[in-house]
């Protein structure tokens, strides 16, 4: 029995104990929840995340007229299993993770965040390098070292790999070495500290890294510069179980889209959010096609690579 299996089993048991009782009733149109249970992956400080999410929790409770329960769970595989078993109702997720969750559980996207910086819900994957390097184009990356975020990161792996391959770049042969840094901040630090020559990150997280003092963007020695941007990347959605009653689904969607901008200003673990807007599975059609082009696995097994 592997340590990973023991850890995953422990997380699943924990979720099962927390969400042991049915949180909804089934009507002719689907499930109408009596309690809304949302699970989040930890971003930095768990206590800080829960504290920051409290005003949103209260807003949703007021709009729905039912209790809202927030849980931080570190293993996304466990989240998928918990949703499949009906123990949770919603998950904050990345785009590629949504495709897996949809395939495995039938979950559907509810809303997506609108970024305060751009006023848009989409963003872009960006390949970055130090300005004092000799890298200005994709061709200049040949023979260089490169950092991706993790194997299933939408903007830190999938889109940059697609950008490179579509321009004739052979990732296995043309880089000197590649590795997965584990987070967007880690990629930026690796480039800044010359651990690698270049890397791929989400553009919406660059400003956040600048604000935190992790990097400086500019045209001076030691500063970071973008090399190329991807096309539009659909934003990370909040996904919900696919068996909800349509009227309840709309009520839940309205609850999120009506969260005041001032309430969202306090959030720092999810980037700078202006608000939420409705989204749908169709918004992720291009991402689904991209995963097929790259030969990506959309089963739950892919989550084990994270």
Protein backbone atom coordinates (compact mmCIF):
# COMPACT_ATOMS: atom_id res chain seq x y z
CA UNK A 1 0.00 0.00 0.00
CA UNK A 2 1.62 3.27 -1.10
CA UNK A 3 1.90 6.42 0.98
CA UNK A 4 -0.06 8.28 -1.72
CA UNK A 5 -2.92 5.77 -1.45
CA UNK A 6 -2.97 6.12 2.34
CA UNK A 7 -2.98 9.92 2.07
CA UNK A 8 -5.74 9.96 -0.55
CA UNK A 9 -7.83 7.48 1.46
CA UNK A 10 -7.42 9.61 4.60
CA UNK A 11 -8.55 12.73 2.76
CA UNK A 12 -11.57 10.93 1.32
CA UNK A 13 -12.54 9.59 4.75
CA UNK A 14 -12.20 13.11 6.17
CA UNK A 15 -14.43 14.55 3.48
CA UNK A 16 -16.91 11.75 3.97
CA UNK A 17 -17.17 12.46 7.69
CA UNK A 18 -17.63 16.16 7.11
CA UNK A 19 -20.20 15.74 4.37
CA UNK A 20 -21.78 12.52 5.59
CA UNK A 21 -25.40 13.58 5.31
CA UNK A 22 -27.38 14.44 2.20
CA UNK A 23 -27.29 18.15 1.42
CA UNK A 24 -30.24 18.26 -0.94
CA UNK A 25 -33.55 16.86 -2.10
CA UNK A 26 -34.30 15.50 -5.58
CA UNK A 27 -37.19 17.06 -7.43
CA UNK A 28 -38.56 16.56 -10.93
CA UNK A 29 -35.97 18.96 -12.37
CA UNK A 30 -32.98 17.81 -10.34
CA UNK A 31 -31.36 18.39 -6.95
CA UNK A 32 -32.32 21.41 -4.83
CA UNK A 33 -29.67 21.87 -2.16
CA UNK A 34 -30.41 22.33 1.54
CA UNK A 35 -26.76 23.11 2.20
CA UNK A 36 -24.18 24.39 -0.31
CA UNK A 37 -20.79 22.70 0.17
CA UNK A 38 -17.81 24.21 -1.66
CA UNK A 39 -14.25 22.89 -1.55
CA UNK A 40 -11.12 24.95 -2.19
CA UNK A 41 -7.52 23.94 -2.79
CA UNK A 42 -5.03 25.69 -0.49
CA UNK A 43 -3.17 28.58 -2.10
CA UNK A 44 -0.97 29.78 0.74
CA UNK A 45 -2.34 30.07 4.27
CA UNK A 46 -5.42 27.92 4.90
CA UNK A 47 -6.70 30.02 7.79
CA UNK A 48 -6.21 33.16 5.71
CA UNK A 49 -8.16 31.68 2.81
CA UNK A 50 -11.12 30.76 5.01
CA UNK A 51 -11.07 34.18 6.67
CA UNK A 52 -11.01 35.99 3.32
CA UNK A 53 -13.80 33.80 1.95
CA UNK A 54 -16.12 34.50 4.90
CA UNK A 55 -17.82 37.62 3.37
CA UNK A 56 -18.52 35.64 0.18
CA UNK A 57 -19.86 32.74 2.24
CA UNK A 58 -22.26 35.08 4.06
CA UNK A 59 -23.37 36.68 0.77
CA UNK A 60 -24.15 33.29 -0.80
CA UNK A 61 -26.00 32.16 2.35
CA UNK A 62 -28.15 35.29 2.25
CA UNK A 63 -28.97 34.88 -1.44
CA UNK A 64 -29.71 31.16 -1.27
CA UNK A 65 -31.32 31.10 2.17
CA UNK A 66 -29.37 27.96 3.11
CA UNK A 67 -26.10 27.29 5.01
CA UNK A 68 -22.82 27.37 3.10
CA UNK A 69 -19.96 25.13 4.17
CA UNK A 70 -16.38 25.85 3.02
CA UNK A 71 -13.67 23.20 3.13
CA UNK A 72 -9.98 23.38 2.18
CA UNK A 73 -8.75 20.10 0.65
CA UNK A 74 -5.18 19.74 -0.61
CA UNK A 75 -5.60 16.78 -2.98
CA UNK A 76 -7.57 17.52 -6.17
CA UNK A 77 -8.00 13.81 -6.86
CA UNK A 78 -9.89 13.59 -3.56
CA UNK A 79 -12.09 16.53 -4.60
CA UNK A 80 -13.08 14.75 -7.80
CA UNK A 81 -13.90 11.56 -5.91
CA UNK A 82 -15.90 13.52 -3.31
CA UNK A 83 -17.93 15.24 -6.03
CA UNK A 84 -18.52 11.93 -7.80
CA UNK A 85 -19.85 10.52 -4.51
CA UNK A 86 -22.09 13.55 -3.92
CA UNK A 87 -20.19 14.75 -0.83
CA UNK A 88 -19.41 18.22 -2.23
CA UNK A 89 -21.36 20.52 -4.53
CA UNK A 90 -18.77 22.91 -5.96
CA UNK A 91 -15.04 23.23 -6.61
CA UNK A 92 -12.76 26.10 -7.58
CA UNK A 93 -10.73 24.64 -10.43
CA UNK A 94 -8.38 25.31 -13.33
CA UNK A 95 -9.48 24.92 -16.94
CA UNK A 96 -7.81 21.57 -17.61
CA UNK A 97 -8.90 20.25 -14.21
CA UNK A 98 -12.47 21.23 -15.13
CA UNK A 99 -12.31 19.07 -18.26
CA UNK A 100 -11.24 16.10 -16.13
CA UNK A 101 -13.89 16.80 -13.48
CA UNK A 102 -16.59 17.10 -16.16
CA UNK A 103 -15.55 13.80 -17.76
CA UNK A 104 -15.34 11.98 -14.44
CA UNK A 105 -18.38 13.42 -12.63
CA UNK A 106 -20.57 15.32 -15.10
CA UNK A 107 -19.83 18.60 -13.28
CA UNK A 108 -20.55 21.83 -15.18
CA UNK A 109 -19.09 25.36 -14.97
CA UNK A 110 -21.13 27.89 -13.00
CA UNK A 111 -19.24 31.17 -13.09
CA UNK A 112 -15.79 32.49 -13.92
CA UNK A 113 -13.90 35.38 -12.34
CA UNK A 114 -13.55 38.71 -14.15
CA UNK A 115 -10.04 40.04 -13.57
CA UNK A 116 -9.78 43.53 -12.07
CA UNK A 117 -6.68 44.27 -14.16
CA UNK A 118 -8.29 43.63 -17.56
CA UNK A 119 -12.05 43.58 -17.00
CA UNK A 120 -12.06 40.23 -18.82
CA UNK A 121 -12.65 36.65 -17.70
CA UNK A 122 -10.01 35.22 -20.02
CA UNK A 123 -6.26 35.57 -19.66
CA UNK A 124 -3.13 34.50 -21.55
CA UNK A 125 -0.21 32.18 -21.09
CA UNK A 126 3.09 34.04 -21.29
CA UNK A 127 6.64 32.84 -21.88
CA UNK A 128 9.04 35.03 -19.93
CA UNK A 129 12.81 35.52 -19.72
CA UNK A 130 15.25 37.93 -18.13
CA UNK A 131 15.68 41.10 -20.15
CA UNK A 132 19.47 40.81 -19.90
CA UNK A 133 19.37 37.40 -21.62
CA UNK A 134 19.66 36.87 -25.38
CA UNK A 135 16.10 35.51 -25.62
CA UNK A 136 13.67 37.61 -27.66
CA UNK A 137 11.81 35.02 -29.76
CA UNK A 138 10.77 31.36 -29.53
CA UNK A 139 13.67 30.48 -31.82
CA UNK A 140 16.05 31.90 -29.22
CA UNK A 141 14.85 29.27 -26.73
CA UNK A 142 16.68 26.48 -28.55
CA UNK A 143 19.41 25.01 -26.38
CA UNK A 144 18.08 26.85 -23.31
CA UNK A 145 16.69 25.66 -19.97
CA UNK A 146 12.94 26.07 -19.36
CA UNK A 147 10.45 25.81 -16.48
CA UNK A 148 6.79 24.81 -16.72
CA UNK A 149 4.40 25.01 -13.73
CA UNK A 150 3.11 21.42 -13.51
CA UNK A 151 2.02 18.83 -16.09
CA UNK A 152 -1.68 19.76 -15.97
CA UNK A 153 -1.40 23.54 -15.54
CA UNK A 154 -3.51 25.18 -18.25
CA UNK A 155 -1.39 28.31 -18.71
CA UNK A 156 1.83 26.96 -17.19
CA UNK A 157 2.06 23.82 -19.34
CA UNK A 158 -0.69 23.09 -21.88
CA UNK A 159 -0.85 26.42 -23.71
CA UNK A 160 2.91 27.08 -23.81
CA UNK A 161 3.53 23.53 -25.10
CA UNK A 162 0.92 24.12 -27.79
CA UNK A 163 2.50 27.49 -28.71
CA UNK A 164 5.93 25.88 -28.99
CA UNK A 165 4.79 22.82 -30.95
CA UNK A 166 2.65 24.86 -33.35
CA UNK A 167 5.78 26.82 -34.27
CA UNK A 168 7.80 23.72 -35.00
CA UNK A 169 9.59 23.63 -31.64
CA UNK A 170 10.46 20.11 -30.46
CA UNK A 171 10.21 20.34 -26.67
CA UNK A 172 12.02 17.05 -26.06
CA UNK A 173 14.95 17.88 -28.36
CA UNK A 174 15.23 21.66 -28.68
CA UNK A 175 15.50 22.57 -24.99
CA UNK A 176 18.67 21.81 -23.09
CA UNK A 177 16.56 20.80 -20.07
CA UNK A 178 13.02 21.34 -18.79
CA UNK A 179 11.44 20.86 -15.36
CA UNK A 180 8.22 21.53 -13.46
CA UNK A 181 8.64 24.25 -10.83
CA UNK A 182 5.33 23.51 -9.07
CA UNK A 183 3.77 27.00 -9.10
CA UNK A 184 3.68 30.18 -11.17
CA UNK A 185 5.63 32.10 -8.52
CA UNK A 186 8.29 29.37 -8.53
CA UNK A 187 8.67 29.67 -12.31
CA UNK A 188 9.11 33.44 -12.06
CA UNK A 189 11.67 33.06 -9.27
CA UNK A 190 13.55 30.41 -11.26
CA UNK A 191 13.85 32.82 -14.21
CA UNK A 192 14.75 35.75 -11.98
CA UNK A 193 17.48 33.79 -10.16
CA UNK A 194 18.87 32.25 -13.38
CA UNK A 195 17.94 28.72 -12.38
CA UNK A 196 16.39 28.53 -15.85
CA UNK A 197 16.63 30.75 -18.92
CA UNK A 198 12.88 31.05 -19.49
CA UNK A 199 9.52 29.80 -18.26
CA UNK A 200 5.76 29.84 -18.77
CA UNK A 201 3.21 31.54 -16.50
CA UNK A 202 -0.27 33.07 -16.50
CA UNK A 203 -0.15 36.76 -17.36
CA UNK A 204 -2.78 37.59 -14.72
CA UNK A 205 -0.38 36.35 -12.03
CA UNK A 206 2.56 38.47 -13.18
CA UNK A 207 1.12 41.70 -11.77
CA UNK A 208 0.38 39.88 -8.53
CA UNK A 209 4.01 38.70 -8.36
CA UNK A 210 5.22 42.24 -8.99
CA UNK A 211 2.97 43.56 -6.19
CA UNK A 212 4.42 40.93 -3.83
CA UNK A 213 7.98 41.91 -4.77
CA UNK A 214 8.77 38.52 -6.29
CA UNK A 215 9.91 39.99 -9.61
CA UNK A 216 10.30 43.27 -11.46
CA UNK A 217 9.13 43.68 -15.04
CA UNK A 218 11.04 45.98 -17.32
CA UNK A 219 14.00 46.58 -19.60
CA UNK A 220 16.83 46.70 -17.08
CA UNK A 221 19.30 43.98 -16.03
CA UNK A 222 17.65 41.42 -13.77
CA UNK A 223 14.13 42.43 -14.76
CA UNK A 224 11.68 40.10 -16.47
CA UNK A 225 10.28 40.57 -19.95
CA UNK A 226 7.56 38.71 -21.89
CA UNK A 227 8.63 36.87 -25.04
CA UNK A 228 5.31 35.69 -26.46
CA UNK A 229 1.67 35.45 -25.43
CA UNK A 230 -0.85 32.72 -26.20
CA UNK A 231 -4.35 33.24 -27.50
CA UNK A 232 -7.20 33.65 -25.03
CA UNK A 233 -7.25 31.13 -22.19
CA UNK A 234 -10.67 30.59 -20.55
CA UNK A 235 -10.53 31.60 -16.91
CA UNK A 236 -10.59 29.07 -14.04
CA UNK A 237 -14.27 28.33 -13.32
CA UNK A 238 -16.24 27.45 -10.23
CA UNK A 239 -17.79 24.11 -11.20
CA UNK A 240 -20.87 22.51 -9.65
CA UNK A 241 -22.44 19.07 -9.70
CA UNK A 242 -24.29 18.41 -12.92
CA UNK A 243 -27.56 17.16 -11.40
CA UNK A 244 -28.74 20.47 -9.92
CA UNK A 245 -32.27 21.66 -10.59
CA UNK A 246 -32.03 24.32 -13.36
CA UNK A 247 -33.84 26.94 -11.27
CA UNK A 248 -31.53 26.32 -8.32
CA UNK A 249 -28.51 26.43 -10.66
CA UNK A 250 -29.63 29.87 -11.90
CA UNK A 251 -30.21 31.05 -8.33
CA UNK A 252 -26.71 29.95 -7.37
CA UNK A 253 -25.25 31.60 -10.47
CA UNK A 254 -27.07 34.85 -9.63
CA UNK A 255 -25.74 34.67 -6.07
CA UNK A 256 -22.15 34.67 -7.32
CA UNK A 257 -22.61 37.28 -10.04
CA UNK A 258 -24.18 39.65 -7.50
CA UNK A 259 -21.21 39.63 -5.10
CA UNK A 260 -20.19 43.31 -4.69
CA UNK A 261 -16.83 44.31 -6.12
CA UNK A 262 -15.83 45.77 -2.74
CA UNK A 263 -16.33 42.37 -1.12
CA UNK A 264 -14.01 40.76 -3.65
CA UNK A 265 -11.26 43.33 -3.12
CA UNK A 266 -10.18 41.54 0.05
CA UNK A 267 -9.36 38.35 -1.85
CA UNK A 268 -5.67 37.89 -2.57
CA UNK A 269 -5.49 34.10 -2.89
CA UNK A 270 -7.51 34.10 -6.13
CA UNK A 271 -5.92 37.10 -7.82
CA UNK A 272 -7.49 40.53 -8.21
CA UNK A 273 -11.15 39.83 -8.98
CA UNK A 274 -13.63 42.45 -10.15
CA UNK A 275 -16.62 40.12 -10.15
CA UNK A 276 -18.04 36.88 -11.51
CA UNK A 277 -19.87 36.25 -14.77
CA UNK A 278 -21.84 33.22 -15.99
CA UNK A 279 -19.93 30.66 -18.04
CA UNK A 280 -20.64 27.34 -19.74
CA UNK A 281 -18.99 24.20 -21.07
CA UNK A 282 -18.88 25.75 -24.55
CA UNK A 283 -16.33 28.30 -23.32
CA UNK A 284 -13.86 25.43 -22.84
CA UNK A 285 -14.34 23.83 -26.29
CA UNK A 286 -11.06 25.21 -27.67
CA UNK A 287 -9.20 24.01 -24.59
CA UNK A 288 -10.72 20.56 -25.08
CA UNK A 289 -9.50 20.54 -28.71
CA UNK A 290 -6.04 21.66 -27.58
CA UNK A 291 -5.78 18.76 -25.13
CA UNK A 292 -6.62 16.34 -27.96
CA UNK A 293 -3.92 17.90 -30.14
CA UNK A 294 -1.40 17.42 -27.34
CA UNK A 295 -2.64 13.89 -26.63
CA UNK A 296 -3.52 14.76 -23.03
CA UNK A 297 -5.24 12.25 -20.76
CA UNK A 298 -8.61 13.54 -19.52
CA UNK A 299 -9.15 10.77 -16.99
CA UNK A 300 -8.64 11.13 -13.24
CA UNK A 301 -5.25 9.42 -13.66
CA UNK A 302 -3.90 12.69 -15.09
CA UNK A 303 -4.43 14.36 -11.70
CA UNK A 304 -1.80 12.08 -10.17
CA UNK A 305 0.82 13.93 -12.21
CA UNK A 306 0.04 17.18 -10.44
